[in-house]
Amino acid sequence: MVDKHLLDELGDRVSDAMRHTPARDVEKNLRALLLAFFDRFDLVAREDFDVQRKLLERAQAKLKALEARVAELESGAKPPAA
């Protein structure tokens, strides 16, 4: 039977080796490069886009309701006597 301590130590060594590999550095550099590239194009996160879309839809619905109310008031209301 394999000693649990030996397995834990082996797992720690593998994790440590993976953290210090050139592949990890390449990943960090690639991530920084992609972030800089996307930042130049003023891209936004999907979550932010969805929030703004919902706010716009709500504003458009309110505007439509207000336009209908103004039309109703203009068509049915007599000007107040001064």
PDB file of N, CA and C in Angstrom:
ATOM      1  N   MET A   1       0.842  -1.173   0.000  1.00  0.00           N
ATOM      2  CA  MET A   1       0.000   0.000   0.000  1.00  0.00           C
ATOM      3  C   MET A   1       0.890   1.239   0.000  1.00  0.00           C
ATOM      4  N   VAL A   2       0.477   2.266  -0.726  1.00  0.00           N
ATOM      5  CA  VAL A   2       1.275   3.488  -0.862  1.00  0.00           C
ATOM      6  C   VAL A   2       0.983   4.410   0.320  1.00  0.00           C
ATOM      7  N   ASP A   3       2.049   4.988   0.851  1.00  0.00           N
ATOM      8  CA  ASP A   3       1.930   5.893   1.989  1.00  0.00           C
ATOM      9  C   ASP A   3       1.249   7.197   1.555  1.00  0.00           C
ATOM     10  N   LYS A   4       0.260   7.648   2.328  1.00  0.00           N
ATOM     11  CA  LYS A   4      -0.470   8.877   2.002  1.00  0.00           C
ATOM     12  C   LYS A   4       0.466  10.079   2.011  1.00  0.00           C
ATOM     13  N   HIS A   5       1.403  10.117   2.924  1.00  0.00           N
ATOM     14  CA  HIS A   5       2.365  11.213   2.999  1.00  0.00           C
ATOM     15  C   HIS A   5       3.189  11.288   1.717  1.00  0.00           C
ATOM     16  N   LEU A   6       3.582  10.141   1.199  1.00  0.00           N
ATOM     17  CA  LEU A   6       4.354  10.097  -0.036  1.00  0.00           C
ATOM     18  C   LEU A   6       3.536  10.656  -1.195  1.00  0.00           C
ATOM     19  N   LEU A   7       2.275  10.309  -1.271  1.00  0.00           N
ATOM     20  CA  LEU A   7       1.407  10.831  -2.335  1.00  0.00           C
ATOM     21  C   LEU A   7       1.208  12.337  -2.209  1.00  0.00           C
ATOM     22  N   ASP A   8       1.024  12.820  -0.988  1.00  0.00           N
ATOM     23  CA  ASP A   8       0.874  14.263  -0.772  1.00  0.00           C
ATOM     24  C   ASP A   8       2.132  15.010  -1.180  1.00  0.00           C
ATOM     25  N   GLU A   9       3.279  14.485  -0.811  1.00  0.00           N
ATOM     26  CA  GLU A   9       4.553  15.118  -1.164  1.00  0.00           C
ATOM     27  C   GLU A   9       4.750  15.127  -2.674  1.00  0.00           C
ATOM     28  N   LEU A  10       4.417  14.038  -3.319  1.00  0.00           N
ATOM     29  CA  LEU A  10       4.536  13.961  -4.777  1.00  0.00           C
ATOM     30  C   LEU A  10       3.598  14.978  -5.433  1.00  0.00           C
ATOM     31  N   GLY A  11       2.375  15.084  -4.938  1.00  0.00           N
ATOM     32  CA  GLY A  11       1.421  16.060  -5.466  1.00  0.00           C
ATOM     33  C   GLY A  11       1.914  17.482  -5.293  1.00  0.00           C
ATOM     34  N   ASP A  12       2.496  17.770  -4.131  1.00  0.00           N
ATOM     35  CA  ASP A  12       3.046  19.110  -3.894  1.00  0.00           C
ATOM     36  C   ASP A  12       4.188  19.423  -4.837  1.00  0.00           C
ATOM     37  N   ARG A  13       5.053  18.455  -5.058  1.00  0.00           N
ATOM     38  CA  ARG A  13       6.197  18.662  -5.963  1.00  0.00           C
ATOM     39  C   ARG A  13       5.736  18.888  -7.394  1.00  0.00           C
ATOM     40  N   VAL A  14       4.743  18.125  -7.829  1.00  0.00           N
ATOM     41  CA  VAL A  14       4.226  18.304  -9.196  1.00  0.00           C
ATOM     42  C   VAL A  14       3.576  19.679  -9.328  1.00  0.00           C
ATOM     43  N   SER A  15       2.800  20.086  -8.335  1.00  0.00           N
ATOM     44  CA  SER A  15       2.160  21.400  -8.371  1.00  0.00           C
ATOM     45  C   SER A  15       3.199  22.512  -8.399  1.00  0.00           C
ATOM     46  N   ASP A  16       4.224  22.364  -7.587  1.00  0.00           N
ATOM     47  CA  ASP A  16       5.292  23.361  -7.547  1.00  0.00           C
ATOM     48  C   ASP A  16       6.032  23.429  -8.882  1.00  0.00           C
ATOM     49  N   ALA A  17       6.301  22.282  -9.470  1.00  0.00           N
ATOM     50  CA  ALA A  17       6.986  22.253 -10.762  1.00  0.00           C
ATOM     51  C   ALA A  17       6.134  22.905 -11.847  1.00  0.00           C
ATOM     52  N   MET A  18       4.827  22.682 -11.807  1.00  0.00           N
ATOM     53  CA  MET A  18       3.932  23.259 -12.812  1.00  0.00           C
ATOM     54  C   MET A  18       3.840  24.774 -12.678  1.00  0.00           C
ATOM     55  N   ARG A  19       3.956  25.263 -11.445  1.00  0.00           N
ATOM     56  CA  ARG A  19       3.898  26.710 -11.239  1.00  0.00           C
ATOM     57  C   ARG A  19       5.113  27.420 -11.797  1.00  0.00           C
ATOM     58  N   HIS A  20       6.242  26.737 -11.866  1.00  0.00           N
ATOM     59  CA  HIS A  20       7.485  27.382 -12.282  1.00  0.00           C
ATOM     60  C   HIS A  20       7.938  26.964 -13.674  1.00  0.00           C
ATOM     61  N   THR A  21       7.018  26.526 -14.501  1.00  0.00           N
ATOM     62  CA  THR A  21       7.399  26.123 -15.852  1.00  0.00           C
ATOM     63  C   THR A  21       7.320  27.313 -16.800  1.00  0.00           C
ATOM     64  N   PRO A  22       8.047  27.247 -17.897  1.00  0.00           N
ATOM     65  CA  PRO A  22       7.952  28.311 -18.904  1.00  0.00           C
ATOM     66  C   PRO A  22       6.541  28.430 -19.477  1.00  0.00           C
ATOM     67  N   ALA A  23       5.797  27.345 -19.483  1.00  0.00           N
ATOM     68  CA  ALA A  23       4.432  27.400 -19.996  1.00  0.00           C
ATOM     69  C   ALA A  23       3.585  28.366 -19.176  1.00  0.00           C
ATOM     70  N   ARG A  24       3.806  28.409 -17.897  1.00  0.00           N
ATOM     71  CA  ARG A  24       3.073  29.329 -17.016  1.00  0.00           C
ATOM     72  C   ARG A  24       3.409  30.775 -17.379  1.00  0.00           C
ATOM     73  N   ASP A  25       4.694  31.046 -17.653  1.00  0.00           N
ATOM     74  CA  ASP A  25       5.096  32.394 -18.056  1.00  0.00           C
ATOM     75  C   ASP A  25       4.478  32.765 -19.400  1.00  0.00           C
ATOM     76  N   VAL A  26       4.436  31.812 -20.300  1.00  0.00           N
ATOM     77  CA  VAL A  26       3.827  32.064 -21.613  1.00  0.00           C
ATOM     78  C   VAL A  26       2.347  32.374 -21.436  1.00  0.00           C
ATOM     79  N   GLU A  27       1.696  31.642 -20.564  1.00  0.00           N
ATOM     80  CA  GLU A  27       0.272  31.890 -20.308  1.00  0.00           C
ATOM     81  C   GLU A  27       0.055  33.291 -19.761  1.00  0.00           C
ATOM     82  N   LYS A  28       0.876  33.712 -18.814  1.00  0.00           N
ATOM     83  CA  LYS A  28       0.745  35.061 -18.247  1.00  0.00           C
ATOM     84  C   LYS A  28       0.974  36.116 -19.316  1.00  0.00           C
ATOM     85  N   ASN A  29       2.018  35.926 -20.127  1.00  0.00           N
ATOM     86  CA  ASN A  29       2.319  36.905 -21.172  1.00  0.00           C
ATOM     87  C   ASN A  29       1.220  36.958 -22.228  1.00  0.00           C
ATOM     88  N   LEU A  30       0.695  35.804 -22.596  1.00  0.00           N
ATOM     89  CA  LEU A  30      -0.375  35.758 -23.582  1.00  0.00           C
ATOM     90  C   LEU A  30      -1.630  36.435 -23.037  1.00  0.00           C
ATOM     91  N   ARG A  31      -1.929  36.193 -21.783  1.00  0.00           N
ATOM     92  CA  ARG A  31      -3.096  36.826 -21.162  1.00  0.00           C
ATOM     93  C   ARG A  31      -2.939  38.352 -21.159  1.00  0.00           C
ATOM     94  N   ALA A  32      -1.766  38.844 -20.808  1.00  0.00           N
ATOM     95  CA  ALA A  32      -1.523  40.286 -20.799  1.00  0.00           C
ATOM     96  C   ALA A  32      -1.628  40.863 -22.207  1.00  0.00           C
ATOM     97  N   LEU A  33      -1.102  40.144 -23.179  1.00  0.00           N
ATOM     98  CA  LEU A  33      -1.157  40.586 -24.570  1.00  0.00           C
ATOM     99  C   LEU A  33      -2.604  40.667 -25.057  1.00  0.00           C
ATOM    100  N   LEU A  34      -3.395  39.649 -24.745  1.00  0.00           N
ATOM    101  CA  LEU A  34      -4.791  39.647 -25.167  1.00  0.00           C
ATOM    102  C   LEU A  34      -5.594  40.749 -24.477  1.00  0.00           C
ATOM    103  N   LEU A  35      -5.331  40.977 -23.199  1.00  0.00           N
ATOM    104  CA  LEU A  35      -6.037  42.050 -22.492  1.00  0.00           C
ATOM    105  C   LEU A  35      -5.707  43.411 -23.103  1.00  0.00           C
ATOM    106  N   ALA A  36      -4.450  43.634 -23.434  1.00  0.00           N
ATOM    107  CA  ALA A  36      -4.059  44.890 -24.067  1.00  0.00           C
ATOM    108  C   ALA A  36      -4.700  45.027 -25.448  1.00  0.00           C
ATOM    109  N   PHE A  37      -4.736  43.934 -26.194  1.00  0.00           N
ATOM    110  CA  PHE A  37      -5.334  43.942 -27.526  1.00  0.00           C
ATOM    111  C   PHE A  37      -6.812  44.287 -27.447  1.00  0.00           C
ATOM    112  N   PHE A  38      -7.549  43.626 -26.540  1.00  0.00           N
ATOM    113  CA  PHE A  38      -8.979  43.872 -26.417  1.00  0.00           C
ATOM    114  C   PHE A  38      -9.268  45.248 -25.826  1.00  0.00           C
ATOM    115  N   ASP A  39      -8.389  45.744 -24.986  1.00  0.00           N
ATOM    116  CA  ASP A  39      -8.580  47.060 -24.392  1.00  0.00           C
ATOM    117  C   ASP A  39      -8.528  48.149 -25.458  1.00  0.00           C
ATOM    118  N   ARG A  40      -7.717  47.943 -26.465  1.00  0.00           N
ATOM    119  CA  ARG A  40      -7.608  48.916 -27.551  1.00  0.00           C
ATOM    120  C   ARG A  40      -8.912  49.056 -28.323  1.00  0.00           C
ATOM    121  N   PHE A  41      -9.707  48.028 -28.365  1.00  0.00           N
ATOM    122  CA  PHE A  41     -10.934  48.049 -29.123  1.00  0.00           C
ATOM    123  C   PHE A  41     -12.151  48.439 -28.280  1.00  0.00           C
ATOM    124  N   ASP A  42     -11.937  48.865 -27.046  1.00  0.00           N
ATOM    125  CA  ASP A  42     -13.015  49.280 -26.148  1.00  0.00           C
ATOM    126  C   ASP A  42     -14.100  48.220 -26.031  1.00  0.00           C
ATOM    127  N   LEU A  43     -13.709  46.989 -25.869  1.00  0.00           N
ATOM    128  CA  LEU A  43     -14.662  45.903 -25.679  1.00  0.00           C
ATOM    129  C   LEU A  43     -15.125  45.879 -24.232  1.00  0.00           C
ATOM    130  N   VAL A  44     -16.327  45.394 -24.023  1.00  0.00           N
ATOM    131  CA  VAL A  44     -16.862  45.287 -22.671  1.00  0.00           C
ATOM    132  C   VAL A  44     -17.186  43.830 -22.371  1.00  0.00           C
ATOM    133  N   ALA A  45     -17.282  43.552 -21.120  1.00  0.00           N
ATOM    134  CA  ALA A  45     -17.640  42.198 -20.696  1.00  0.00           C
ATOM    135  C   ALA A  45     -19.096  41.920 -21.060  1.00  0.00           C
ATOM    136  N   ARG A  46     -19.401  40.685 -21.312  1.00  0.00           N
ATOM    137  CA  ARG A  46     -20.761  40.304 -21.695  1.00  0.00           C
ATOM    138  C   ARG A  46     -21.761  40.679 -20.610  1.00  0.00           C
ATOM    139  N   GLU A  47     -21.379  40.518 -19.349  1.00  0.00           N
ATOM    140  CA  GLU A  47     -22.281  40.859 -18.251  1.00  0.00           C
ATOM    141  C   GLU A  47     -22.632  42.346 -18.274  1.00  0.00           C
ATOM    142  N   ASP A  48     -21.618  43.198 -18.502  1.00  0.00           N
ATOM    143  CA  ASP A  48     -21.866  44.637 -18.563  1.00  0.00           C
ATOM    144  C   ASP A  48     -22.772  44.981 -19.742  1.00  0.00           C
ATOM    145  N   PHE A  49     -22.535  44.331 -20.863  1.00  0.00           N
ATOM    146  CA  PHE A  49     -23.359  44.562 -22.047  1.00  0.00           C
ATOM    147  C   PHE A  49     -24.809  44.178 -21.768  1.00  0.00           C
ATOM    148  N   ASP A  50     -25.021  43.033 -21.139  1.00  0.00           N
ATOM    149  CA  ASP A  50     -26.378  42.577 -20.848  1.00  0.00           C
ATOM    150  C   ASP A  50     -27.095  43.521 -19.895  1.00  0.00           C
ATOM    151  N   VAL A  51     -26.378  44.032 -18.901  1.00  0.00           N
ATOM    152  CA  VAL A  51     -26.975  44.982 -17.956  1.00  0.00           C
ATOM    153  C   VAL A  51     -27.404  46.244 -18.693  1.00  0.00           C
ATOM    154  N   GLN A  52     -26.539  46.770 -19.547  1.00  0.00           N
ATOM    155  CA  GLN A  52     -26.869  47.986 -20.284  1.00  0.00           C
ATOM    156  C   GLN A  52     -28.028  47.753 -21.252  1.00  0.00           C
ATOM    157  N   ARG A  53     -28.083  46.581 -21.859  1.00  0.00           N
ATOM    158  CA  ARG A  53     -29.174  46.254 -22.770  1.00  0.00           C
ATOM    159  C   ARG A  53     -30.503  46.237 -22.030  1.00  0.00           C
ATOM    160  N   LYS A  54     -30.512  45.639 -20.831  1.00  0.00           N
ATOM    161  CA  LYS A  54     -31.742  45.594 -20.041  1.00  0.00           C
ATOM    162  C   LYS A  54     -32.172  47.001 -19.614  1.00  0.00           C
ATOM    163  N   LEU A  55     -31.208  47.838 -19.230  1.00  0.00           N
ATOM    164  CA  LEU A  55     -31.538  49.213 -18.860  1.00  0.00           C
ATOM    165  C   LEU A  55     -32.125  49.964 -20.046  1.00  0.00           C
ATOM    166  N   LEU A  56     -31.572  49.774 -21.225  1.00  0.00           N
ATOM    167  CA  LEU A  56     -32.079  50.433 -22.427  1.00  0.00           C
ATOM    168  C   LEU A  56     -33.484  49.952 -22.759  1.00  0.00           C
ATOM    169  N   GLU A  57     -33.720  48.659 -22.651  1.00  0.00           N
ATOM    170  CA  GLU A  57     -35.059  48.123 -22.917  1.00  0.00           C
ATOM    171  C   GLU A  57     -36.084  48.713 -21.954  1.00  0.00           C
ATOM    172  N   ARG A  58     -35.694  48.829 -20.692  1.00  0.00           N
ATOM    173  CA  ARG A  58     -36.598  49.401 -19.700  1.00  0.00           C
ATOM    174  C   ARG A  58     -36.871  50.879 -19.995  1.00  0.00           C
ATOM    175  N   ALA A  59     -35.835  51.617 -20.376  1.00  0.00           N
ATOM    176  CA  ALA A  59     -36.000  53.030 -20.708  1.00  0.00           C
ATOM    177  C   ALA A  59     -36.887  53.193 -21.939  1.00  0.00           C
ATOM    178  N   GLN A  60     -36.721  52.321 -22.932  1.00  0.00           N
ATOM    179  CA  GLN A  60     -37.553  52.402 -24.130  1.00  0.00           C
ATOM    180  C   GLN A  60     -39.012  52.105 -23.800  1.00  0.00           C
ATOM    181  N   ALA A  61     -39.264  51.152 -22.929  1.00  0.00           N
ATOM    182  CA  ALA A  61     -40.637  50.828 -22.523  1.00  0.00           C
ATOM    183  C   ALA A  61     -41.269  52.008 -21.790  1.00  0.00           C
ATOM    184  N   LYS A  62     -40.500  52.655 -20.911  1.00  0.00           N
ATOM    185  CA  LYS A  62     -41.026  53.819 -20.192  1.00  0.00           C
ATOM    186  C   LYS A  62     -41.309  54.967 -21.155  1.00  0.00           C
ATOM    187  N   LEU A  63     -40.423  55.172 -22.114  1.00  0.00           N
ATOM    188  CA  LEU A  63     -40.617  56.231 -23.099  1.00  0.00           C
ATOM    189  C   LEU A  63     -41.874  55.975 -23.920  1.00  0.00           C
ATOM    190  N   LYS A  64     -42.078  54.736 -24.332  1.00  0.00           N
ATOM    191  CA  LYS A  64     -43.259  54.387 -25.114  1.00  0.00           C
ATOM    192  C   LYS A  64     -44.527  54.642 -24.295  1.00  0.00           C
ATOM    193  N   ALA A  65     -44.506  54.272 -23.011  1.00  0.00           N
ATOM    194  CA  ALA A  65     -45.664  54.500 -22.144  1.00  0.00           C
ATOM    195  C   ALA A  65     -45.915  55.994 -21.964  1.00  0.00           C
ATOM    196  N   LEU A  66     -44.867  56.765 -21.796  1.00  0.00           N
ATOM    197  CA  LEU A  66     -45.027  58.214 -21.635  1.00  0.00           C
ATOM    198  C   LEU A  66     -45.546  58.861 -22.915  1.00  0.00           C
ATOM    199  N   GLU A  67     -45.054  58.407 -24.058  1.00  0.00           N
ATOM    200  CA  GLU A  67     -45.540  58.944 -25.338  1.00  0.00           C
ATOM    201  C   GLU A  67     -47.034  58.650 -25.505  1.00  0.00           C
ATOM    202  N   ALA A  68     -47.442  57.444 -25.135  1.00  0.00           N
ATOM    203  CA  ALA A  68     -48.860  57.092 -25.227  1.00  0.00           C
ATOM    204  C   ALA A  68     -49.691  57.957 -24.281  1.00  0.00           C
ATOM    205  N   ARG A  69     -49.190  58.189 -23.092  1.00  0.00           N
ATOM    206  CA  ARG A  69     -49.906  59.015 -22.110  1.00  0.00           C
ATOM    207  C   ARG A  69     -50.025  60.453 -22.596  1.00  0.00           C
ATOM    208  N   VAL A  70     -48.961  61.011 -23.170  1.00  0.00           N
ATOM    209  CA  VAL A  70     -49.000  62.379 -23.698  1.00  0.00           C
ATOM    210  C   VAL A  70     -50.001  62.464 -24.847  1.00  0.00           C
ATOM    211  N   ALA A  71     -49.985  61.468 -25.729  1.00  0.00           N
ATOM    212  CA  ALA A  71     -50.937  61.464 -26.842  1.00  0.00           C
ATOM    213  C   ALA A  71     -52.373  61.404 -26.321  1.00  0.00           C
ATOM    214  N   GLU A  72     -52.608  60.608 -25.295  1.00  0.00           N
ATOM    215  CA  GLU A  72     -53.925  60.488 -24.690  1.00  0.00           C
ATOM    216  C   GLU A  72     -54.365  61.823 -24.087  1.00  0.00           C
ATOM    217  N   LEU A  73     -53.462  62.456 -23.371  1.00  0.00           N
ATOM    218  CA  LEU A  73     -53.785  63.737 -22.747  1.00  0.00           C
ATOM    219  C   LEU A  73     -54.031  64.828 -23.791  1.00  0.00           C
ATOM    220  N   GLU A  74     -53.226  64.814 -24.848  1.00  0.00           N
ATOM    221  CA  GLU A  74     -53.393  65.830 -25.883  1.00  0.00           C
ATOM    222  C   GLU A  74     -54.699  65.655 -26.666  1.00  0.00           C
ATOM    223  N   SER A  75     -55.105  64.423 -26.886  1.00  0.00           N
ATOM    224  CA  SER A  75     -56.297  64.188 -27.678  1.00  0.00           C
ATOM    225  C   SER A  75     -57.580  64.376 -26.868  1.00  0.00           C
ATOM    226  N   GLY A  76     -57.556  64.089 -25.605  1.00  0.00           N
ATOM    227  CA  GLY A  76     -58.769  64.115 -24.807  1.00  0.00           C
ATOM    228  C   GLY A  76     -58.907  65.320 -23.900  1.00  0.00           C
ATOM    229  N   ALA A  77     -57.869  66.017 -23.643  1.00  0.00           N
ATOM    230  CA  ALA A  77     -57.923  67.097 -22.680  1.00  0.00           C
ATOM    231  C   ALA A  77     -58.171  68.423 -23.376  1.00  0.00           C
ATOM    232  N   LYS A  78     -59.012  69.250 -22.752  1.00  0.00           N
ATOM    233  CA  LYS A  78     -59.240  70.602 -23.255  1.00  0.00           C
ATOM    234  C   LYS A  78     -58.231  71.510 -22.553  1.00  0.00           C
ATOM    235  N   PRO A  79     -57.772  72.544 -23.248  1.00  0.00           N
ATOM    236  CA  PRO A  79     -56.827  73.457 -22.579  1.00  0.00           C
ATOM    237  C   PRO A  79     -57.506  74.147 -21.400  1.00  0.00           C
ATOM    238  N   PRO A  80     -56.753  74.300 -20.311  1.00  0.00           N
ATOM    239  CA  PRO A  80     -57.348  74.935 -19.141  1.00  0.00           C
ATOM    240  C   PRO A  80     -57.687  76.400 -19.420  1.00  0.00           C
ATOM    241  N   ALA A  81     -58.789  76.866 -18.843  1.00  0.00           N
ATOM    242  CA  ALA A  81     -59.202  78.266 -19.023  1.00  0.00           C
ATOM    243  C   ALA A  81     -58.313  79.147 -18.193  1.00  0.00           C
ATOM    244  N   ALA A  82     -57.843  80.211 -18.814  1.00  0.00           N
ATOM    245  CA  ALA A  82     -56.950  81.124 -18.096  1.00  0.00           C
ATOM    246  C   ALA A  82     -57.633  82.332 -17.602  1.00  0.00           C
TER     247      ALA A  82
END
